[in-house]
Amino acid sequence: MVCDLDSDGRAGCLAGESDGLALYDASGKRRWLAPAGARVRAIDVGDVNGDGRMEIAFRSDNRKARVIDLDGQLMWDYACKESAPGRHAPPTVDDEWLPLLELYRRSAIT
């Protein structure tokens, strides 16, 4: 995912890797790697907690969903349920992703 996360006018690249989520700057230099323990499959960016800064939410093959700040620091994580009993596939975005973000929004407000 290519976007200007910090509004500095330069695009960065968020990349799901085999062991986490990496942020690369416009020159291609890796700024950080947020560990996930498995391949990252879904990434979304937005102001999750209403503080005016972007946060990054991602889900990995180990059925973990996380929200991190722009420095790659973990803010919140969530253990997703399996897609179906006995299956080893990661949960679908429709099943787990939107409830995760809504749950985080509610927890940040209270």
C-alpha atoms as a PDB file:
ATOM      1  CA  MET A   1       0.000   0.000   0.000  1.00  0.00           C
ATOM      2  CA  VAL A   2       1.476   3.340  -1.073  1.00  0.00           C
ATOM      3  CA  CYS A   3       0.340   6.474   0.767  1.00  0.00           C
ATOM      4  CA  ASP A   4       1.519   9.639   2.496  1.00  0.00           C
ATOM      5  CA  LEU A   5       1.017   8.569   6.111  1.00  0.00           C
ATOM      6  CA  ASP A   6       2.447  11.625   7.851  1.00  0.00           C
ATOM      7  CA  SER A   7       1.318  14.339   5.389  1.00  0.00           C
ATOM      8  CA  ASP A   8       4.896  15.310   4.509  1.00  0.00           C
ATOM      9  CA  GLY A   9       4.147  15.265   0.768  1.00  0.00           C
ATOM     10  CA  ARG A  10       6.182  12.094   0.169  1.00  0.00           C
ATOM     11  CA  ALA A  11       4.671   8.669  -0.281  1.00  0.00           C
ATOM     12  CA  GLY A  12       5.767   5.717   1.784  1.00  0.00           C
ATOM     13  CA  CYS A  13       5.075   2.061   1.169  1.00  0.00           C
ATOM     14  CA  LEU A  14       3.534  -0.329   3.684  1.00  0.00           C
ATOM     15  CA  ALA A  15       4.452  -3.896   2.780  1.00  0.00           C
ATOM     16  CA  GLY A  16       3.259  -7.134   4.307  1.00  0.00           C
ATOM     17  CA  GLU A  17       6.244  -9.420   4.743  1.00  0.00           C
ATOM     18  CA  SER A  18       6.666 -13.007   5.910  1.00  0.00           C
ATOM     19  CA  ASP A  19       7.160 -11.966   9.539  1.00  0.00           C
ATOM     20  CA  GLY A  20       5.523  -8.564   9.893  1.00  0.00           C
ATOM     21  CA  LEU A  21       4.563  -5.233   8.408  1.00  0.00           C
ATOM     22  CA  ALA A  22       7.292  -2.939   7.067  1.00  0.00           C
ATOM     23  CA  LEU A  23       7.259   0.754   6.224  1.00  0.00           C
ATOM     24  CA  TYR A  24       9.586   1.897   3.441  1.00  0.00           C
ATOM     25  CA  ASP A  25      10.255   5.576   2.764  1.00  0.00           C
ATOM     26  CA  ALA A  26      10.245   7.227  -0.674  1.00  0.00           C
ATOM     27  CA  SER A  27      13.898   6.288  -1.243  1.00  0.00           C
ATOM     28  CA  GLY A  28      13.203   2.587  -0.565  1.00  0.00           C
ATOM     29  CA  LYS A  29      14.845   2.508   2.870  1.00  0.00           C
ATOM     30  CA  ARG A  30      13.001   0.413   5.465  1.00  0.00           C
ATOM     31  CA  ARG A  31      12.064   2.652   8.420  1.00  0.00           C
ATOM     32  CA  TRP A  32      10.695  -0.096  10.663  1.00  0.00           C
ATOM     33  CA  LEU A  33       9.277  -3.613  10.841  1.00  0.00           C
ATOM     34  CA  ALA A  34       6.316  -4.289  13.123  1.00  0.00           C
ATOM     35  CA  PRO A  35       6.523  -7.982  14.061  1.00  0.00           C
ATOM     36  CA  ALA A  36       3.460 -10.107  13.364  1.00  0.00           C
ATOM     37  CA  GLY A  37       4.783 -13.642  13.769  1.00  0.00           C
ATOM     38  CA  ALA A  38       3.282 -14.603  10.397  1.00  0.00           C
ATOM     39  CA  ARG A  39       2.707 -13.261   6.886  1.00  0.00           C
ATOM     40  CA  VAL A  40       0.638 -10.065   6.780  1.00  0.00           C
ATOM     41  CA  ARG A  41      -2.436 -10.393   4.539  1.00  0.00           C
ATOM     42  CA  ALA A  42      -4.584  -7.273   5.051  1.00  0.00           C
ATOM     43  CA  ILE A  43      -3.599  -3.637   5.697  1.00  0.00           C
ATOM     44  CA  ASP A  44      -5.731  -0.555   6.281  1.00  0.00           C
ATOM     45  CA  VAL A  45      -4.832   3.023   7.237  1.00  0.00           C
ATOM     46  CA  GLY A  46      -6.916   5.669   8.977  1.00  0.00           C
ATOM     47  CA  ASP A  47      -7.356   7.781  12.075  1.00  0.00           C
ATOM     48  CA  VAL A  48      -8.680   4.924  14.191  1.00  0.00           C
ATOM     49  CA  ASN A  49      -8.757   6.695  17.562  1.00  0.00           C
ATOM     50  CA  GLY A  50      -9.732  10.226  16.485  1.00  0.00           C
ATOM     51  CA  ASP A  51      -6.461  11.925  17.498  1.00  0.00           C
ATOM     52  CA  GLY A  52      -5.855  13.486  14.065  1.00  0.00           C
ATOM     53  CA  ARG A  53      -2.956  11.124  13.245  1.00  0.00           C
ATOM     54  CA  MET A  54      -3.061   8.076  11.017  1.00  0.00           C
ATOM     55  CA  GLU A  55      -2.840   4.602  12.480  1.00  0.00           C
ATOM     56  CA  ILE A  56      -2.206   1.346  10.653  1.00  0.00           C
ATOM     57  CA  ALA A  57      -4.314  -1.763  11.148  1.00  0.00           C
ATOM     58  CA  PHE A  58      -3.245  -5.132   9.781  1.00  0.00           C
ATOM     59  CA  ARG A  59      -4.098  -8.828   9.971  1.00  0.00           C
ATOM     60  CA  SER A  60      -1.726 -11.773   9.646  1.00  0.00           C
ATOM     61  CA  ASP A  61      -1.954 -15.495   8.944  1.00  0.00           C
ATOM     62  CA  ASN A  62      -1.701 -16.346  12.656  1.00  0.00           C
ATOM     63  CA  ARG A  63      -5.205 -14.854  13.117  1.00  0.00           C
ATOM     64  CA  LYS A  64      -3.878 -11.768  14.880  1.00  0.00           C
ATOM     65  CA  ALA A  65      -5.079  -8.272  14.043  1.00  0.00           C
ATOM     66  CA  ARG A  66      -3.123  -5.279  15.260  1.00  0.00           C
ATOM     67  CA  VAL A  67      -3.216  -1.489  15.257  1.00  0.00           C
ATOM     68  CA  ILE A  68       0.120   0.339  15.299  1.00  0.00           C
ATOM     69  CA  ASP A  69       1.158   3.984  15.259  1.00  0.00           C
ATOM     70  CA  LEU A  70       3.280   5.671  12.581  1.00  0.00           C
ATOM     71  CA  ASP A  71       6.459   4.654  14.411  1.00  0.00           C
ATOM     72  CA  GLY A  72       5.493   0.980  14.187  1.00  0.00           C
ATOM     73  CA  GLN A  73       4.688   0.752  17.900  1.00  0.00           C
ATOM     74  CA  LEU A  74       1.887  -1.585  18.896  1.00  0.00           C
ATOM     75  CA  MET A  75      -1.212   0.195  20.159  1.00  0.00           C
ATOM     76  CA  TRP A  76      -3.676  -2.676  20.267  1.00  0.00           C
ATOM     77  CA  ASP A  77      -4.005  -6.310  19.205  1.00  0.00           C
ATOM     78  CA  TYR A  78      -6.818  -8.793  18.842  1.00  0.00           C
ATOM     79  CA  ALA A  79      -6.899 -12.580  18.444  1.00  0.00           C
ATOM     80  CA  CYS A  80      -9.353 -13.375  15.648  1.00  0.00           C
ATOM     81  CA  LYS A  81     -11.474 -16.497  15.630  1.00  0.00           C
ATOM     82  CA  GLU A  82     -10.935 -19.204  13.029  1.00  0.00           C
ATOM     83  CA  SER A  83     -12.963 -18.916   9.824  1.00  0.00           C
ATOM     84  CA  ALA A  84     -14.612 -22.261  10.488  1.00  0.00           C
ATOM     85  CA  PRO A  85     -13.990 -24.938  13.140  1.00  0.00           C
ATOM     86  CA  GLY A  86     -11.025 -27.115  12.246  1.00  0.00           C
ATOM     87  CA  ARG A  87      -9.850 -24.983   9.320  1.00  0.00           C
ATOM     88  CA  HIS A  88      -6.429 -23.377   9.339  1.00  0.00           C
ATOM     89  CA  ALA A  89      -7.244 -20.513   6.983  1.00  0.00           C
ATOM     90  CA  PRO A  90      -7.017 -16.981   8.390  1.00  0.00           C
ATOM     91  CA  PRO A  91     -10.317 -15.216   9.072  1.00  0.00           C
ATOM     92  CA  THR A  92     -11.846 -13.249   6.258  1.00  0.00           C
ATOM     93  CA  VAL A  93     -11.785  -9.473   6.293  1.00  0.00           C
ATOM     94  CA  ASP A  94     -15.599  -9.379   6.349  1.00  0.00           C
ATOM     95  CA  ASP A  95     -15.764 -11.693   9.375  1.00  0.00           C
ATOM     96  CA  GLU A  96     -13.185 -10.009  11.583  1.00  0.00           C
ATOM     97  CA  TRP A  97     -11.748  -6.780  10.184  1.00  0.00           C
ATOM     98  CA  LEU A  98     -14.631  -4.332  10.531  1.00  0.00           C
ATOM     99  CA  PRO A  99     -15.597  -5.511  14.052  1.00  0.00           C
ATOM    100  CA  LEU A 100     -11.931  -5.093  15.061  1.00  0.00           C
ATOM    101  CA  LEU A 101     -11.829  -1.458  13.995  1.00  0.00           C
ATOM    102  CA  GLU A 102     -15.201  -0.716  15.604  1.00  0.00           C
ATOM    103  CA  LEU A 103     -14.100  -2.374  18.848  1.00  0.00           C
ATOM    104  CA  TYR A 104     -10.896  -0.326  18.867  1.00  0.00           C
ATOM    105  CA  ARG A 105     -12.812   2.893  18.262  1.00  0.00           C
ATOM    106  CA  ARG A 106     -15.120   2.165  21.206  1.00  0.00           C
ATOM    107  CA  SER A 107     -12.203   1.253  23.490  1.00  0.00           C
ATOM    108  CA  ALA A 108     -10.309   4.453  22.574  1.00  0.00           C
ATOM    109  CA  ILE A 109     -13.296   6.657  23.364  1.00  0.00           C
ATOM    110  CA  THR A 110     -14.113   5.227  26.793  1.00  0.00           C
END
